[in-house]
Protein backbone atom coordinates (compact mmCIF):
# COMPACT_ATOMS: atom_id res chain seq x y z
CA UNK A 1 -0.76 17.82 8.34
CA UNK A 2 -2.78 19.29 5.53
CA UNK A 3 -3.60 17.94 2.10
CA UNK A 4 -1.61 20.84 0.67
CA UNK A 5 1.51 19.70 2.56
CA UNK A 6 1.29 16.27 0.96
CA UNK A 7 0.49 17.75 -2.45
CA UNK A 8 3.82 19.56 -2.28
CA UNK A 9 5.53 16.38 -1.14
CA UNK A 10 4.32 14.51 -4.25
CA UNK A 11 6.44 16.78 -6.46
CA UNK A 12 9.42 14.61 -5.41
CA UNK A 13 8.19 12.11 -7.98
CA UNK A 14 9.08 14.63 -10.68
CA UNK A 15 12.76 14.57 -9.70
CA UNK A 16 14.47 11.64 -11.50
CA UNK A 17 17.18 11.57 -8.82
CA UNK A 18 14.70 11.21 -5.95
CA UNK A 19 14.79 7.91 -4.05
CA UNK A 20 10.99 8.00 -4.26
CA UNK A 21 11.26 7.41 -8.00
CA UNK A 22 13.31 4.27 -7.43
CA UNK A 23 10.90 3.10 -4.75
CA UNK A 24 7.92 3.71 -7.01
CA UNK A 25 9.47 1.63 -9.78
CA UNK A 26 10.09 -1.26 -7.39
CA UNK A 27 6.55 -1.11 -6.00
CA UNK A 28 5.05 -1.06 -9.48
CA UNK A 29 7.11 -4.09 -10.47
CA UNK A 30 5.86 -5.99 -7.44
CA UNK A 31 2.24 -5.00 -8.07
CA UNK A 32 2.58 -6.26 -11.63
CA UNK A 33 3.98 -9.57 -10.41
CA UNK A 34 1.24 -9.95 -7.80
CA UNK A 35 -1.43 -9.42 -10.48
CA UNK A 36 0.34 -11.85 -12.82
CA UNK A 37 0.30 -14.53 -10.12
CA UNK A 38 -3.21 -13.87 -8.78
CA UNK A 39 -5.87 -16.59 -9.14
CA UNK A 40 -8.37 -16.53 -11.98
CA UNK A 41 -11.61 -14.65 -11.43
CA UNK A 42 -12.46 -11.38 -9.69
CA UNK A 43 -9.65 -9.71 -7.75
CA UNK A 44 -9.96 -7.41 -4.75
CA UNK A 45 -7.31 -4.75 -4.10
CA UNK A 46 -6.89 -2.34 -1.18
CA UNK A 47 -4.50 0.61 -1.03
CA UNK A 48 -4.10 2.51 2.25
CA UNK A 49 -2.79 6.10 2.18
CA UNK A 50 -3.02 5.75 -1.58
CA UNK A 51 -1.85 9.26 -2.42
CA UNK A 52 -2.30 10.06 -6.09
CA UNK A 53 -2.50 6.38 -6.97
CA UNK A 54 0.83 6.50 -8.80
CA UNK A 55 1.82 3.00 -7.72
CA UNK A 56 -1.37 1.08 -8.55
CA UNK A 57 -3.31 2.95 -11.25
CA UNK A 58 -0.65 2.99 -14.03
CA UNK A 59 -0.02 -0.74 -13.55
CA UNK A 60 -3.71 -1.60 -13.62
CA UNK A 61 -4.25 0.57 -16.70
CA UNK A 62 -1.90 -1.63 -18.76
CA UNK A 63 -2.46 -5.01 -17.12
CA UNK A 64 -4.52 -7.79 -18.78
CA UNK A 65 -6.32 -8.40 -15.47
CA UNK A 66 -7.52 -4.78 -15.22
CA UNK A 67 -11.18 -5.63 -15.73
CA UNK A 68 -11.04 -8.33 -13.05
CA UNK A 69 -10.05 -5.86 -10.36
CA UNK A 70 -12.26 -4.16 -7.80
CA UNK A 71 -10.00 -1.75 -5.92
CA UNK A 72 -10.50 0.73 -3.12
CA UNK A 73 -7.91 3.45 -2.62
CA UNK A 74 -8.22 5.51 0.57
CA UNK A 75 -6.52 8.89 0.87
CA UNK A 76 -7.06 11.61 3.48
CA UNK A 77 -6.26 14.67 1.38
CA UNK A 78 -9.21 15.72 -0.82
CA UNK A 79 -7.03 17.31 -3.52
CA UNK A 80 -4.70 14.32 -3.61
CA UNK A 81 -7.60 11.88 -3.72
CA UNK A 82 -9.03 13.91 -6.57
CA UNK A 83 -5.84 13.41 -8.58
CA UNK A 84 -6.12 9.64 -8.10
CA UNK A 85 -9.82 9.68 -8.98
CA UNK A 86 -9.12 11.58 -12.20
CA UNK A 87 -6.27 9.22 -13.14
CA UNK A 88 -8.48 6.16 -12.66
CA UNK A 89 -11.27 7.72 -14.74
CA UNK A 90 -8.89 8.68 -17.57
CA UNK A 91 -7.60 5.11 -17.64
CA UNK A 92 -11.15 3.76 -17.83
CA UNK A 93 -10.70 1.78 -14.61
CA UNK A 94 -14.34 1.52 -13.63
CA UNK A 95 -13.52 -0.97 -10.88
CA UNK A 96 -11.29 1.50 -9.02
CA UNK A 97 -12.93 3.53 -6.25
CA UNK A 98 -11.07 6.37 -4.54
CA UNK A 99 -12.34 7.21 -1.06
CA UNK A 100 -11.47 10.48 0.66
CA UNK A 101 -11.05 9.55 4.30
CA UNK A 102 -8.78 8.39 7.10
CA UNK A 103 -7.00 5.30 5.78
CA UNK A 104 -6.29 4.16 9.35
CA UNK A 105 -9.96 3.29 9.95
CA UNK A 106 -10.64 -0.36 9.23
CA UNK A 107 -14.29 0.27 8.38
CA UNK A 108 -13.24 1.61 4.98
CA UNK A 109 -12.16 -1.89 3.93
CA UNK A 110 -15.05 -4.06 5.07
CA UNK A 111 -16.57 -4.49 1.61
CA UNK A 112 -13.38 -5.74 -0.06
CA UNK A 113 -11.49 -7.47 2.75
CA UNK A 114 -9.92 -9.92 2.65
CA UNK A 115 -8.23 -8.73 -0.53
CA UNK A 116 -5.91 -10.46 -2.97
CA UNK A 117 -3.54 -7.47 -2.92
CA UNK A 118 -2.98 -4.94 -0.12
CA UNK A 119 -0.71 -1.94 -0.70
CA UNK A 120 0.81 -0.34 2.42
CA UNK A 121 3.18 2.20 0.90
CA UNK A 122 4.18 5.52 2.42
CA UNK A 123 2.88 4.67 5.89
CA UNK A 124 5.47 2.98 8.09
CA UNK A 125 7.98 5.84 7.97
CA UNK A 126 5.48 8.29 9.43
CA UNK A 127 3.91 6.45 12.35
CA UNK A 128 5.11 5.12 15.70
CA UNK A 129 6.74 1.73 16.06
CA UNK A 130 3.72 0.47 18.01
CA UNK A 131 1.41 1.61 15.22
CA UNK A 132 3.56 -0.09 12.59
CA UNK A 133 3.29 -3.37 14.49
CA UNK A 134 -0.45 -2.88 15.01
CA UNK A 135 -0.99 -2.24 11.29
CA UNK A 136 1.02 -5.33 10.34
CA UNK A 137 -1.00 -7.48 12.72
CA UNK A 138 -4.31 -6.19 11.34
CA UNK A 139 -3.07 -6.78 7.80
CA UNK A 140 -3.74 -10.46 8.45
CA UNK A 141 -7.47 -9.71 8.38
CA UNK A 142 -7.17 -7.44 5.34
CA UNK A 143 -5.40 -10.06 3.21
CA UNK A 144 -6.92 -13.21 1.69
CA UNK A 145 -5.25 -16.60 1.96
CA UNK A 146 -2.56 -16.55 -0.71
CA UNK A 147 -2.91 -12.79 -1.06
CA UNK A 148 0.00 -10.35 -1.23
CA UNK A 149 0.94 -7.36 0.90
CA UNK A 150 3.38 -4.82 -0.55
CA UNK A 151 4.82 -2.41 2.00
CA UNK A 152 7.52 0.23 2.32
CA UNK A 153 9.76 1.55 5.05
CA UNK A 154 13.07 3.43 4.81
CA UNK A 155 16.24 1.64 5.94
CA UNK A 156 17.86 4.58 7.66
CA UNK A 157 18.68 4.32 11.37
CA UNK A 158 16.84 3.38 13.44
CA UNK A 159 16.35 0.67 10.83
CA UNK A 160 12.96 -0.91 11.48
CA UNK A 161 12.88 -2.63 8.10
CA UNK A 162 14.00 -6.10 9.33
CA UNK A 163 11.62 -5.93 12.31
CA UNK A 164 8.65 -5.16 10.06
CA UNK A 165 9.45 -8.25 7.99
CA UNK A 166 9.59 -10.30 11.20
CA UNK A 167 6.21 -8.96 12.34
CA UNK A 168 4.64 -10.01 9.07
CA UNK A 169 6.07 -13.50 9.56
CA UNK A 170 4.66 -13.63 13.10
CA UNK A 171 1.26 -12.61 11.70
CA UNK A 172 1.07 -15.54 9.29
CA UNK A 173 2.82 -14.18 6.21
CA UNK A 174 5.68 -15.69 4.23
CA UNK A 175 8.31 -13.36 2.88
CA UNK A 176 8.34 -13.24 -0.92
CA UNK A 177 10.87 -10.49 -1.57
CA UNK A 178 12.57 -7.53 0.03
CA UNK A 179 14.70 -4.83 -1.52
CA UNK A 180 18.33 -4.36 -0.66
CA UNK A 181 21.25 -2.39 -1.96
CA UNK A 182 19.74 -2.09 -5.43
CA UNK A 183 17.80 0.81 -3.89
CA UNK A 184 19.41 2.65 -0.98
CA UNK A 185 18.95 3.26 2.72
CA UNK A 186 16.37 5.95 2.05
CA UNK A 187 13.88 3.43 0.68
CA UNK A 188 12.88 -0.16 1.31
CA UNK A 189 10.17 -2.34 -0.23
CA UNK A 190 8.89 -5.64 1.15
CA UNK A 191 6.47 -8.26 -0.18
CA UNK A 192 4.72 -10.86 1.96
CA UNK A 193 2.12 -13.53 1.18
CA UNK A 194 -0.68 -14.57 3.52
CA UNK A 195 -0.39 -18.23 4.53
CA UNK A 196 -3.30 -18.48 6.97
CA UNK A 197 -7.04 -18.18 6.65
CA UNK A 198 -7.68 -14.56 7.64
CA UNK A 199 -9.67 -13.78 10.74
CA UNK A 200 -12.76 -11.58 10.30
CA UNK A 201 -11.96 -7.89 9.97
CA UNK A 202 -12.88 -5.84 13.03
CA UNK A 203 -14.36 -2.72 11.46
CA UNK A 204 -14.11 -0.23 14.35
CA UNK A 205 -10.34 -0.09 14.73
CA UNK A 206 -7.87 2.74 14.08
CA UNK A 207 -4.61 1.28 12.86
CA UNK A 208 -2.28 4.25 13.14
CA UNK A 209 -1.86 7.98 13.58
CA UNK A 210 0.57 9.99 11.48
CA UNK A 211 3.07 11.69 13.76
CA UNK A 212 5.32 13.59 11.37
CA UNK A 213 5.86 14.46 7.74
CA UNK A 214 9.12 12.59 7.33
CA UNK A 215 9.60 10.17 4.45
CA UNK A 216 6.72 8.07 3.22
């Protein structure tokens, strides 16, 4: 899958009737809440498969904690990563770093893990079930005690959405919120909070492999 393919896919955000627009609004709301509730002092944020940064960057740009945040966004497509990099620069977010690379490689996150906020949006609908579970399990090392993970997965059949929530619980997370019928089956957003001391991040792991361009 090329960067150009995903660049075309991002145009769905320009359609007000797209379920992606509703999902984006829900994710932004949950990012805002997570930042509101974060502890005082410096904050670390990780975003995997960050795309153009549309979920995180606009929220950070207007949030009172913006200068407390050190964030790393990892995106495979160079053109897409460039859009995110430009958006962060225009917003004056000097603490936001956009990395062009494979977001599945845990080594990208060593400097900021465990983070207070981890964004896993646009991933679980495009990888195998085993890779979803593997990514959830490794999220325990990416997320600080008390930190928040925001994730997405569609609720179409086969509906893996409830299972993903269960895997987070098995990995030491408490469920904070999950979307329901206020969105629709095409989109689902979940929020979990880390309740255990994270284990050290193993930095030579590959969490997932994209298998299809379906619905992020």
